[in-house]
């Protein structure tokens, strides 16, 4: 794992991973970041690292198979860490085609590169949404059935299956991870937490689907980055690892914590933000609950989340409050 090619490294999670790895005293290799720079990517996510002697950015589409293969050969890449994806469920409901192109065809393109260069390890970042929806109880595990319910999750499920099929057919070295909902500084303001923070600060309505009872597990992005590095350095070839934050909340419960954290940070009152809550028509096919059992990665690799929601929200709120003027 000396030299890494990171796809989607200008995005929220990919950039967090790059920052995490380049800060490690144990990592002496280089990172090549390949990103198409679509709407949710931002090179500023890597401020302070652009001139790092062991970091290089290349703007490119992962569907350019021959070009990516040439990069891997020229840069002597040992592993591809695949973050690049379209991820917003609402956008996938409006139009699924970009999700098929990026998530399915893009993953296949990278796997074709690894098929030609089988010494390269391939780690695929996926989502708990491939498993579908849970009821009031139970948890997703690595053995859960695939039951994706949105065009987004269907394309991620398809890409998972491609990784497994290529690994089996061509004897490739691969690993897969499924994560719960990520949050933290720098997330593009279309996801729940940054939307709510920025709308509070701007005194705009806080839209919540349905009755706000849908439940998600929340994972601080730095914990996710550390989990991926743990899998890369300690995980077993051919294995899947599920990564959760051990923090389940309904949307209204999470919003209440965001409001309380903001009130403390701004010195205002929670009531002024609560008045902005606005319930809207539910999203089509909205999954009720996601929850991950992370016992495999905890027991086998020794990883566990270290960021509490309280600590993570404080840092996230502080970042968006400072960045508000340049975000939108």
Protein backbone atom coordinates (compact mmCIF):
# COMPACT_ATOMS: atom_id res chain seq x y z
CA UNK A 1 0.00 0.00 0.00
CA UNK A 2 2.78 2.46 -0.86
CA UNK A 3 1.03 4.34 -3.65
CA UNK A 4 -2.74 4.91 -3.69
CA UNK A 5 -5.05 6.07 -6.44
CA UNK A 6 -8.09 7.66 -4.80
CA UNK A 7 -11.12 8.26 -7.00
CA UNK A 8 -13.44 11.09 -6.01
CA UNK A 9 -10.83 12.50 -3.67
CA UNK A 10 -12.15 16.06 -3.97
CA UNK A 11 -15.50 14.96 -2.55
CA UNK A 12 -16.54 15.04 1.07
CA UNK A 13 -15.49 11.54 2.19
CA UNK A 14 -12.65 11.04 -0.29
CA UNK A 15 -10.93 14.26 0.75
CA UNK A 16 -11.28 13.33 4.43
CA UNK A 17 -9.55 10.03 3.67
CA UNK A 18 -6.70 11.76 1.82
CA UNK A 19 -6.16 14.24 4.64
CA UNK A 20 -6.20 11.43 7.19
CA UNK A 21 -3.66 9.27 5.35
CA UNK A 22 -1.24 12.07 4.49
CA UNK A 23 -1.12 13.03 8.18
CA UNK A 24 -0.11 9.48 9.18
CA UNK A 25 3.55 9.17 10.15
CA UNK A 26 3.37 5.52 9.08
CA UNK A 27 2.43 6.36 5.50
CA UNK A 28 5.45 7.16 3.33
CA UNK A 29 3.86 6.61 -0.07
CA UNK A 30 2.02 8.95 -2.41
CA UNK A 31 -1.62 9.59 -3.22
CA UNK A 32 -2.92 10.31 -6.70
CA UNK A 33 -6.38 11.90 -6.56
CA UNK A 34 -8.51 11.39 -9.68
CA UNK A 35 -11.70 13.42 -9.62
CA UNK A 36 -14.04 14.61 -12.38
CA UNK A 37 -14.93 17.68 -10.29
CA UNK A 38 -18.69 17.42 -10.58
CA UNK A 39 -21.02 19.72 -8.63
CA UNK A 40 -20.38 18.14 -5.21
CA UNK A 41 -16.57 18.09 -5.49
CA UNK A 42 -14.44 20.91 -4.17
CA UNK A 43 -10.66 21.16 -4.40
CA UNK A 44 -10.78 23.44 -1.35
CA UNK A 45 -11.54 20.31 0.68
CA UNK A 46 -7.81 19.66 0.36
CA UNK A 47 -6.56 23.11 1.30
CA UNK A 48 -3.11 22.79 2.81
CA UNK A 49 -2.41 19.54 0.97
CA UNK A 50 -2.35 20.64 -2.69
CA UNK A 51 1.41 21.23 -2.53
CA UNK A 52 2.20 18.18 -0.43
CA UNK A 53 5.22 16.45 -2.01
CA UNK A 54 3.44 13.08 -2.02
CA UNK A 55 0.08 14.25 -3.36
CA UNK A 56 -1.01 14.76 -6.96
CA UNK A 57 -4.38 15.80 -8.36
CA UNK A 58 -5.57 14.75 -11.84
CA UNK A 59 -8.94 15.88 -13.18
CA UNK A 60 -10.39 12.97 -15.09
CA UNK A 61 -13.47 10.79 -15.55
CA UNK A 62 -13.08 7.26 -14.15
CA UNK A 63 -14.83 5.98 -17.28
CA UNK A 64 -11.66 6.86 -19.23
CA UNK A 65 -10.34 3.33 -18.75
CA UNK A 66 -7.16 3.58 -20.80
CA UNK A 67 -6.21 6.89 -19.24
CA UNK A 68 -6.72 5.55 -15.71
CA UNK A 69 -4.66 2.48 -16.59
CA UNK A 70 -1.84 4.72 -17.82
CA UNK A 71 -1.93 6.70 -14.57
CA UNK A 72 -1.72 3.48 -12.57
CA UNK A 73 1.31 2.32 -14.54
CA UNK A 74 3.12 5.66 -14.53
CA UNK A 75 2.49 6.30 -10.82
CA UNK A 76 3.19 2.68 -9.77
CA UNK A 77 -0.17 2.38 -8.02
CA UNK A 78 -0.56 -0.42 -5.46
CA UNK A 79 -4.21 0.12 -4.53
CA UNK A 80 -7.27 1.93 -5.84
CA UNK A 81 -9.60 3.36 -3.18
CA UNK A 82 -12.87 3.99 -4.97
CA UNK A 83 -15.01 6.82 -3.55
CA UNK A 84 -16.20 8.41 -6.81
CA UNK A 85 -19.98 8.16 -7.05
CA UNK A 86 -23.25 10.00 -7.41
CA UNK A 87 -24.79 9.71 -3.94
CA UNK A 88 -27.87 11.90 -3.47
CA UNK A 89 -31.06 9.84 -3.38
CA UNK A 90 -33.33 12.74 -4.36
CA UNK A 91 -31.27 13.41 -7.49
CA UNK A 92 -31.43 9.72 -8.43
CA UNK A 93 -35.21 9.83 -8.22
CA UNK A 94 -35.30 12.76 -10.65
CA UNK A 95 -32.83 11.09 -13.06
CA UNK A 96 -31.16 7.71 -12.64
CA UNK A 97 -28.96 7.84 -15.74
CA UNK A 98 -26.04 9.80 -14.17
CA UNK A 99 -26.01 7.29 -11.31
CA UNK A 100 -25.76 4.34 -13.68
CA UNK A 101 -22.95 6.04 -15.59
CA UNK A 102 -20.91 6.98 -12.52
CA UNK A 103 -21.67 4.19 -10.07
CA UNK A 104 -22.06 1.17 -12.33
CA UNK A 105 -20.10 1.92 -15.48
CA UNK A 106 -17.46 3.87 -13.57
CA UNK A 107 -16.84 0.97 -11.21
CA UNK A 108 -16.67 -1.48 -14.10
CA UNK A 109 -14.15 0.77 -15.85
CA UNK A 110 -11.88 0.72 -12.80
CA UNK A 111 -12.26 -3.04 -12.45
CA UNK A 112 -11.14 -3.40 -16.05
CA UNK A 113 -7.99 -1.50 -15.11
CA UNK A 114 -7.37 -3.86 -12.19
CA UNK A 115 -8.07 -6.86 -14.41
CA UNK A 116 -5.19 -5.71 -16.64
CA UNK A 117 -3.04 -4.86 -13.59
CA UNK A 118 -4.00 -7.64 -11.12
CA UNK A 119 -1.29 -6.68 -8.63
CA UNK A 120 -3.41 -3.63 -7.72
CA UNK A 121 -5.76 -4.05 -4.76
CA UNK A 122 -9.24 -2.55 -5.20
CA UNK A 123 -11.26 -1.21 -2.27
CA UNK A 124 -14.85 -0.24 -3.01
CA UNK A 125 -16.72 2.20 -0.75
CA UNK A 126 -20.43 1.41 -0.68
CA UNK A 127 -23.47 2.17 1.45
CA UNK A 128 -25.81 0.50 3.91
CA UNK A 129 -28.67 1.51 1.61
CA UNK A 130 -27.98 -1.52 -0.60
CA UNK A 131 -29.63 -3.62 2.12
CA UNK A 132 -32.96 -1.84 1.88
CA UNK A 133 -35.02 -0.80 4.90
CA UNK A 134 -35.26 -2.05 8.47
CA UNK A 135 -38.25 -2.03 10.79
CA UNK A 136 -38.20 -0.98 14.42
CA UNK A 137 -35.56 -3.58 15.31
CA UNK A 138 -32.65 -5.45 13.77
CA UNK A 139 -29.36 -4.48 12.16
CA UNK A 140 -27.67 -4.83 8.81
CA UNK A 141 -24.68 -7.16 8.71
CA UNK A 142 -22.30 -8.28 6.00
CA UNK A 143 -24.66 -11.22 5.39
CA UNK A 144 -27.84 -9.17 4.93
CA UNK A 145 -29.76 -9.62 1.71
CA UNK A 146 -29.56 -6.91 -0.93
CA UNK A 147 -32.87 -5.07 -1.32
CA UNK A 148 -32.13 -1.59 -2.69
CA UNK A 149 -35.16 0.70 -2.84
CA UNK A 150 -33.93 3.77 -4.72
CA UNK A 151 -32.18 4.24 -8.06
CA UNK A 152 -29.11 5.39 -6.10
CA UNK A 153 -28.92 2.33 -3.86
CA UNK A 154 -29.66 0.06 -6.83
CA UNK A 155 -26.61 1.40 -8.67
CA UNK A 156 -24.43 0.94 -5.59
CA UNK A 157 -25.73 -2.62 -5.20
CA UNK A 158 -24.90 -3.27 -8.85
CA UNK A 159 -21.37 -1.94 -8.36
CA UNK A 160 -20.93 -4.19 -5.29
CA UNK A 161 -21.93 -7.19 -7.38
CA UNK A 162 -19.50 -6.21 -10.11
CA UNK A 163 -16.66 -6.04 -7.59
CA UNK A 164 -17.49 -9.49 -6.26
CA UNK A 165 -17.92 -10.95 -9.74
CA UNK A 166 -14.64 -9.53 -11.06
CA UNK A 167 -12.80 -10.71 -7.94
CA UNK A 168 -14.17 -14.24 -8.34
CA UNK A 169 -13.81 -14.50 -12.12
CA UNK A 170 -10.40 -12.89 -12.49
CA UNK A 171 -8.92 -13.68 -9.05
CA UNK A 172 -8.52 -10.02 -8.13
CA UNK A 173 -7.67 -8.62 -4.71
CA UNK A 174 -10.70 -6.65 -3.51
CA UNK A 175 -12.46 -5.48 -0.37
CA UNK A 176 -15.82 -3.74 0.09
CA UNK A 177 -17.11 -1.54 2.88
CA UNK A 178 -20.65 -0.37 3.61
CA UNK A 179 -21.03 2.75 5.74
CA UNK A 180 -23.92 4.48 7.45
CA UNK A 181 -24.75 8.19 6.98
CA UNK A 182 -21.60 10.33 7.10
CA UNK A 183 -21.44 13.88 8.43
CA UNK A 184 -18.79 16.46 9.22
CA UNK A 185 -17.20 19.68 7.96
CA UNK A 186 -17.14 20.21 4.21
CA UNK A 187 -20.14 18.11 3.18
CA UNK A 188 -21.95 19.51 0.14
CA UNK A 189 -25.07 21.37 1.32
CA UNK A 190 -27.68 19.03 -0.12
CA UNK A 191 -27.46 16.40 2.64
CA UNK A 192 -29.54 16.64 5.81
CA UNK A 193 -27.09 18.05 8.37
CA UNK A 194 -25.49 20.85 6.30
CA UNK A 195 -28.90 21.86 4.89
CA UNK A 196 -30.35 22.19 8.38
CA UNK A 197 -27.37 24.09 9.75
CA UNK A 198 -27.23 26.56 6.87
CA UNK A 199 -31.00 27.07 6.79
CA UNK A 200 -31.01 27.78 10.52
CA UNK A 201 -28.26 30.35 10.10
CA UNK A 202 -30.13 31.96 7.20
CA UNK A 203 -33.49 31.78 9.02
CA UNK A 204 -34.95 29.65 6.21
CA UNK A 205 -37.49 26.81 6.58
CA UNK A 206 -36.19 23.46 7.83
CA UNK A 207 -37.86 20.89 5.54
CA UNK A 208 -38.36 17.40 6.97
CA UNK A 209 -39.86 14.55 5.00
CA UNK A 210 -43.11 13.05 6.30
CA UNK A 211 -43.29 13.12 10.09
CA UNK A 212 -39.52 13.06 10.55
CA UNK A 213 -39.55 9.57 12.06
CA UNK A 214 -37.14 7.96 9.59
CA UNK A 215 -34.10 6.65 11.46
CA UNK A 216 -30.46 6.74 10.40
CA UNK A 217 -27.15 5.80 11.99
CA UNK A 218 -24.63 8.66 11.91
CA UNK A 219 -20.89 8.24 11.35
CA UNK A 220 -18.40 11.10 11.67
CA UNK A 221 -16.38 11.28 8.46
CA UNK A 222 -12.97 11.01 10.15
CA UNK A 223 -14.05 7.76 11.82
CA UNK A 224 -15.00 6.49 8.36
CA UNK A 225 -11.62 7.51 6.91
CA UNK A 226 -9.84 5.67 9.71
CA UNK A 227 -11.98 2.58 9.12
CA UNK A 228 -11.09 2.49 5.43
CA UNK A 229 -7.39 2.79 6.20
CA UNK A 230 -7.76 -0.01 8.74
CA UNK A 231 -9.38 -2.23 6.09
CA UNK A 232 -6.66 -1.41 3.56
CA UNK A 233 -3.85 -2.24 5.96
CA UNK A 234 -5.38 -5.06 8.00
CA UNK A 235 -8.42 -6.36 6.13
CA UNK A 236 -8.57 -9.69 4.35
CA UNK A 237 -8.80 -10.07 0.59
CA UNK A 238 -12.33 -10.77 -0.60
CA UNK A 239 -14.00 -9.59 2.60
CA UNK A 240 -16.77 -7.07 3.20
CA UNK A 241 -16.83 -4.82 6.28
CA UNK A 242 -19.79 -2.80 7.55
CA UNK A 243 -18.99 0.53 9.24
CA UNK A 244 -21.47 2.24 11.56
CA UNK A 245 -21.32 5.12 14.02
CA UNK A 246 -23.38 3.49 16.79
CA UNK A 247 -25.59 6.60 16.77
CA UNK A 248 -29.20 5.99 15.75
CA UNK A 249 -31.57 8.94 15.63
CA UNK A 250 -34.79 9.87 13.88
CA UNK A 251 -34.60 12.93 11.66
CA UNK A 252 -36.53 15.07 14.15
CA UNK A 253 -34.29 13.92 17.00
CA UNK A 254 -31.19 14.78 15.00
CA UNK A 255 -32.60 18.16 14.02
CA UNK A 256 -33.27 18.92 17.68
CA UNK A 257 -29.60 18.20 18.49
CA UNK A 258 -28.48 20.39 15.60
CA UNK A 259 -30.70 23.22 16.85
CA UNK A 260 -29.44 22.91 20.42
CA UNK A 261 -25.81 22.85 19.25
CA UNK A 262 -26.38 25.90 17.06
CA UNK A 263 -28.09 27.79 19.86
CA UNK A 264 -25.06 27.27 22.09
CA UNK A 265 -22.66 28.24 19.32
CA UNK A 266 -24.52 31.40 18.26
CA UNK A 267 -25.75 32.42 21.70
CA UNK A 268 -29.29 32.44 20.36
CA UNK A 269 -32.37 30.51 21.46
CA UNK A 270 -33.40 27.07 20.26
CA UNK A 271 -36.98 28.32 19.89
CA UNK A 272 -36.06 30.68 17.07
CA UNK A 273 -34.83 27.72 15.03
CA UNK A 274 -37.61 25.34 16.04
CA UNK A 275 -40.16 27.75 14.56
CA UNK A 276 -38.54 27.12 11.17
CA UNK A 277 -39.35 23.37 11.12
CA UNK A 278 -41.53 22.56 8.14
CA UNK A 279 -42.85 19.07 7.37
CA UNK A 280 -43.11 18.30 3.66
CA UNK A 281 -44.47 15.46 1.51
CA UNK A 282 -42.45 12.31 2.00
CA UNK A 283 -39.86 11.19 -0.54
CA UNK A 284 -41.02 8.37 -2.87
CA UNK A 285 -39.94 4.98 -1.53
CA UNK A 286 -38.40 6.53 1.59
CA UNK A 287 -36.66 3.81 3.64
CA UNK A 288 -37.77 3.83 7.26
CA UNK A 289 -34.62 2.82 9.12
CA UNK A 290 -30.95 1.97 8.58
CA UNK A 291 -28.75 0.51 11.31
CA UNK A 292 -25.40 -1.26 11.04
CA UNK A 293 -23.87 -4.00 13.15
CA UNK A 294 -20.13 -3.17 13.02
CA UNK A 295 -19.03 -6.09 15.18
CA UNK A 296 -16.96 -7.70 12.39
CA UNK A 297 -14.61 -4.76 11.83
CA UNK A 298 -14.45 -4.16 15.58
CA UNK A 299 -13.57 -7.75 16.48
CA UNK A 300 -11.36 -8.64 13.52
CA UNK A 301 -9.58 -5.34 12.84
CA UNK A 302 -9.88 -3.47 16.13
CA UNK A 303 -11.63 -0.42 14.72
CA UNK A 304 -14.31 1.43 16.67
CA UNK A 305 -15.83 4.91 16.24
CA UNK A 306 -14.29 7.47 18.58
CA UNK A 307 -16.32 10.58 17.66
CA UNK A 308 -19.50 11.09 19.65
CA UNK A 309 -22.39 12.86 17.94
CA UNK A 310 -22.15 15.73 20.42
CA UNK A 311 -18.47 16.31 19.65
CA UNK A 312 -18.91 15.79 15.90
CA UNK A 313 -21.88 18.14 15.65
CA UNK A 314 -20.06 20.88 17.55
CA UNK A 315 -17.16 20.76 15.09
CA UNK A 316 -19.52 20.55 12.11
CA UNK A 317 -21.69 23.46 13.25
CA UNK A 318 -18.61 25.58 13.92
CA UNK A 319 -17.26 24.90 10.43
CA UNK A 320 -20.50 25.79 8.62
CA UNK A 321 -21.03 28.87 10.75
CA UNK A 322 -17.60 30.12 9.73
CA UNK A 323 -18.04 29.09 6.10
CA UNK A 324 -21.63 30.27 5.67
CA UNK A 325 -20.78 33.36 3.67
CA UNK A 326 -18.84 31.40 1.04
CA UNK A 327 -20.94 28.22 0.88
CA UNK A 328 -24.05 29.39 -0.96
